[in-house]
C-alpha atoms as a PDB file:
ATOM      1  CA  UNK A   1       0.000   0.000   0.000  1.00  0.00           C
ATOM      2  CA  UNK A   2       1.342   3.433  -0.995  1.00  0.00           C
ATOM      3  CA  UNK A   3       1.264   5.507   2.187  1.00  0.00           C
ATOM      4  CA  UNK A   4       1.314   8.905   0.415  1.00  0.00           C
ATOM      5  CA  UNK A   5      -1.461   7.841  -1.936  1.00  0.00           C
ATOM      6  CA  UNK A   6      -3.558   6.437   0.926  1.00  0.00           C
ATOM      7  CA  UNK A   7      -3.134   9.548   3.030  1.00  0.00           C
ATOM      8  CA  UNK A   8      -4.076  11.845   0.151  1.00  0.00           C
ATOM      9  CA  UNK A   9      -7.048   9.682  -0.860  1.00  0.00           C
ATOM     10  CA  UNK A  10      -8.532   9.542   2.647  1.00  0.00           C
ATOM     11  CA  UNK A  11      -7.990  13.293   3.113  1.00  0.00           C
ATOM     12  CA  UNK A  12      -9.813  14.078  -0.134  1.00  0.00           C
ATOM     13  CA  UNK A  13     -12.645  11.685   0.720  1.00  0.00           C
ATOM     14  CA  UNK A  14     -13.134  13.283   4.141  1.00  0.00           C
ATOM     15  CA  UNK A  15     -13.134  16.775   2.622  1.00  0.00           C
ATOM     16  CA  UNK A  16     -15.704  15.692   0.089  1.00  0.00           C
ATOM     17  CA  UNK A  17     -18.239  14.376   2.581  1.00  0.00           C
ATOM     18  CA  UNK A  18     -17.671  16.860   5.397  1.00  0.00           C
ATOM     19  CA  UNK A  19     -20.269  19.356   4.126  1.00  0.00           C
ATOM     20  CA  UNK A  20     -22.852  16.596   3.850  1.00  0.00           C
ATOM     21  CA  UNK A  21     -22.072  15.502   7.405  1.00  0.00           C
ATOM     22  CA  UNK A  22     -22.405  19.073   8.710  1.00  0.00           C
ATOM     23  CA  UNK A  23     -25.713  19.605   6.935  1.00  0.00           C
ATOM     24  CA  UNK A  24     -27.071  16.277   8.193  1.00  0.00           C
ATOM     25  CA  UNK A  25     -26.022  17.155  11.735  1.00  0.00           C
ATOM     26  CA  UNK A  26     -27.870  20.459  11.477  1.00  0.00           C
ATOM     27  CA  UNK A  27     -30.943  18.793   9.963  1.00  0.00           C
ATOM     28  CA  UNK A  28     -31.641  17.257  13.384  1.00  0.00           C
ATOM     29  CA  UNK A  29     -31.373  20.483  15.382  1.00  0.00           C
ATOM     30  CA  UNK A  30     -29.560  23.790  15.498  1.00  0.00           C
ATOM     31  CA  UNK A  31     -26.149  23.554  17.103  1.00  0.00           C
ATOM     32  CA  UNK A  32     -23.181  25.714  17.940  1.00  0.00           C
ATOM     33  CA  UNK A  33     -19.801  24.995  16.403  1.00  0.00           C
ATOM     34  CA  UNK A  34     -18.288  22.910  19.167  1.00  0.00           C
ATOM     35  CA  UNK A  35     -21.402  20.689  19.289  1.00  0.00           C
ATOM     36  CA  UNK A  36     -21.012  20.035  15.571  1.00  0.00           C
ATOM     37  CA  UNK A  37     -17.345  19.135  16.059  1.00  0.00           C
ATOM     38  CA  UNK A  38     -18.282  16.730  18.867  1.00  0.00           C
ATOM     39  CA  UNK A  39     -21.019  15.081  16.785  1.00  0.00           C
ATOM     40  CA  UNK A  40     -18.745  14.591  13.802  1.00  0.00           C
ATOM     41  CA  UNK A  41     -15.786  13.455  15.897  1.00  0.00           C
ATOM     42  CA  UNK A  42     -17.831  10.400  16.855  1.00  0.00           C
ATOM     43  CA  UNK A  43     -17.605   9.169  13.244  1.00  0.00           C
ATOM     44  CA  UNK A  44     -14.688   6.755  12.961  1.00  0.00           C
ATOM     45  CA  UNK A  45     -12.172   8.005  10.396  1.00  0.00           C
ATOM     46  CA  UNK A  46     -13.650  11.504  10.061  1.00  0.00           C
ATOM     47  CA  UNK A  47     -10.923  13.715  11.475  1.00  0.00           C
ATOM     48  CA  UNK A  48     -12.388  17.110  12.333  1.00  0.00           C
ATOM     49  CA  UNK A  49     -11.366  20.164  14.301  1.00  0.00           C
ATOM     50  CA  UNK A  50     -12.795  23.595  14.969  1.00  0.00           C
ATOM     51  CA  UNK A  51     -10.227  25.009  12.550  1.00  0.00           C
ATOM     52  CA  UNK A  52     -11.691  22.828   9.812  1.00  0.00           C
ATOM     53  CA  UNK A  53     -15.348  23.359  10.514  1.00  0.00           C
ATOM     54  CA  UNK A  54     -15.664  27.135  10.872  1.00  0.00           C
ATOM     55  CA  UNK A  55     -14.514  27.999   7.330  1.00  0.00           C
ATOM     56  CA  UNK A  56     -17.041  25.463   6.005  1.00  0.00           C
ATOM     57  CA  UNK A  57     -19.822  26.870   8.186  1.00  0.00           C
ATOM     58  CA  UNK A  58     -19.010  30.372   6.933  1.00  0.00           C
ATOM     59  CA  UNK A  59     -19.194  29.186   3.327  1.00  0.00           C
ATOM     60  CA  UNK A  60     -22.483  27.391   3.978  1.00  0.00           C
ATOM     61  CA  UNK A  61     -23.797  30.644   5.443  1.00  0.00           C
ATOM     62  CA  UNK A  62     -22.610  32.636   2.399  1.00  0.00           C
ATOM     63  CA  UNK A  63     -24.385  30.083   0.201  1.00  0.00           C
ATOM     64  CA  UNK A  64     -27.553  30.672   2.273  1.00  0.00           C
ATOM     65  CA  UNK A  65     -27.725  27.034   3.366  1.00  0.00           C
ATOM     66  CA  UNK A  66     -27.388  27.873   7.068  1.00  0.00           C
ATOM     67  CA  UNK A  67     -28.323  30.854   9.182  1.00  0.00           C
ATOM     68  CA  UNK A  68     -26.824  31.948  12.480  1.00  0.00           C
ATOM     69  CA  UNK A  69     -28.071  33.398  15.722  1.00  0.00           C
ATOM     70  CA  UNK A  70     -26.442  34.227  19.024  1.00  0.00           C
ATOM     71  CA  UNK A  71     -27.659  32.968  22.364  1.00  0.00           C
ATOM     72  CA  UNK A  72     -26.402  33.803  25.814  1.00  0.00           C
ATOM     73  CA  UNK A  73     -24.455  31.045  27.524  1.00  0.00           C
ATOM     74  CA  UNK A  74     -24.479  30.389  31.246  1.00  0.00           C
ATOM     75  CA  UNK A  75     -20.839  29.333  31.102  1.00  0.00           C
ATOM     76  CA  UNK A  76     -19.209  32.115  29.110  1.00  0.00           C
ATOM     77  CA  UNK A  77     -19.675  34.340  26.090  1.00  0.00           C
ATOM     78  CA  UNK A  78     -22.732  34.104  23.824  1.00  0.00           C
ATOM     79  CA  UNK A  79     -22.739  31.106  21.500  1.00  0.00           C
ATOM     80  CA  UNK A  80     -23.222  31.298  17.766  1.00  0.00           C
ATOM     81  CA  UNK A  81     -25.806  28.734  16.702  1.00  0.00           C
ATOM     82  CA  UNK A  82     -26.145  27.377  13.179  1.00  0.00           C
ATOM     83  CA  UNK A  83     -29.335  26.036  11.652  1.00  0.00           C
ATOM     84  CA  UNK A  84     -30.470  24.989   8.221  1.00  0.00           C
ATOM     85  CA  UNK A  85     -32.438  27.382   6.066  1.00  0.00           C
ATOM     86  CA  UNK A  86     -35.199  26.118   3.782  1.00  0.00           C
ATOM     87  CA  UNK A  87     -32.666  26.201   0.947  1.00  0.00           C
ATOM     88  CA  UNK A  88     -30.280  24.236   3.175  1.00  0.00           C
ATOM     89  CA  UNK A  89     -32.921  21.570   3.830  1.00  0.00           C
ATOM     90  CA  UNK A  90     -33.568  21.197   0.107  1.00  0.00           C
ATOM     91  CA  UNK A  91     -29.841  21.008  -0.640  1.00  0.00           C
ATOM     92  CA  UNK A  92     -29.315  18.448   2.137  1.00  0.00           C
ATOM     93  CA  UNK A  93     -32.092  16.269   0.744  1.00  0.00           C
ATOM     94  CA  UNK A  94     -30.612  16.458  -2.763  1.00  0.00           C
ATOM     95  CA  UNK A  95     -27.103  15.697  -1.460  1.00  0.00           C
ATOM     96  CA  UNK A  96     -28.373  12.710   0.541  1.00  0.00           C
ATOM     97  CA  UNK A  97     -30.168  11.317  -2.494  1.00  0.00           C
ATOM     98  CA  UNK A  98     -27.072  11.787  -4.642  1.00  0.00           C
ATOM     99  CA  UNK A  99     -24.873  10.205  -1.957  1.00  0.00           C
ATOM    100  CA  UNK A 100     -27.208   7.200  -1.757  1.00  0.00           C
ATOM    101  CA  UNK A 101     -27.107   6.685  -5.532  1.00  0.00           C
ATOM    102  CA  UNK A 102     -23.316   6.986  -5.536  1.00  0.00           C
ATOM    103  CA  UNK A 103     -22.968   4.627  -2.590  1.00  0.00           C
ATOM    104  CA  UNK A 104     -25.170   2.004  -4.241  1.00  0.00           C
ATOM    105  CA  UNK A 105     -23.204   2.288  -7.480  1.00  0.00           C
ATOM    106  CA  UNK A 106     -19.848   1.926  -5.741  1.00  0.00           C
ATOM    107  CA  UNK A 107     -21.140  -0.980  -3.674  1.00  0.00           C
ATOM    108  CA  UNK A 108     -22.321  -2.643  -6.861  1.00  0.00           C
ATOM    109  CA  UNK A 109     -18.827  -2.305  -8.320  1.00  0.00           C
ATOM    110  CA  UNK A 110     -17.287  -3.709  -5.147  1.00  0.00           C
ATOM    111  CA  UNK A 111     -19.663  -6.674  -5.180  1.00  0.00           C
ATOM    112  CA  UNK A 112     -18.969  -7.407  -8.837  1.00  0.00           C
ATOM    113  CA  UNK A 113     -15.206  -7.198  -8.234  1.00  0.00           C
ATOM    114  CA  UNK A 114     -15.237  -9.597  -5.290  1.00  0.00           C
ATOM    115  CA  UNK A 115     -14.268 -13.128  -6.390  1.00  0.00           C
END
């Protein structure tokens, strides 16, 4: 196994599905950034940090897929909460459907390739 190739491939795969994971996390309920990081950190193999997630959240906000609001916190400064917009819900549904089709196609290839 080529270590450089494997590292690059897994990095690109994680980057590619990270937005879908964020949107799916927010489809359940609005969350602040650290909650999103915690939720996604529970996924084996999905390496995530606050430094990775905030640029993506900002882009999703610019694309009008998420909105933000601030709420006072009992344990510190106000928290910035993220939630899906209607456009974000539609995009999440489309992305999930596309992901499912892609997953089924790849699984079909894997099954056909297995001796």
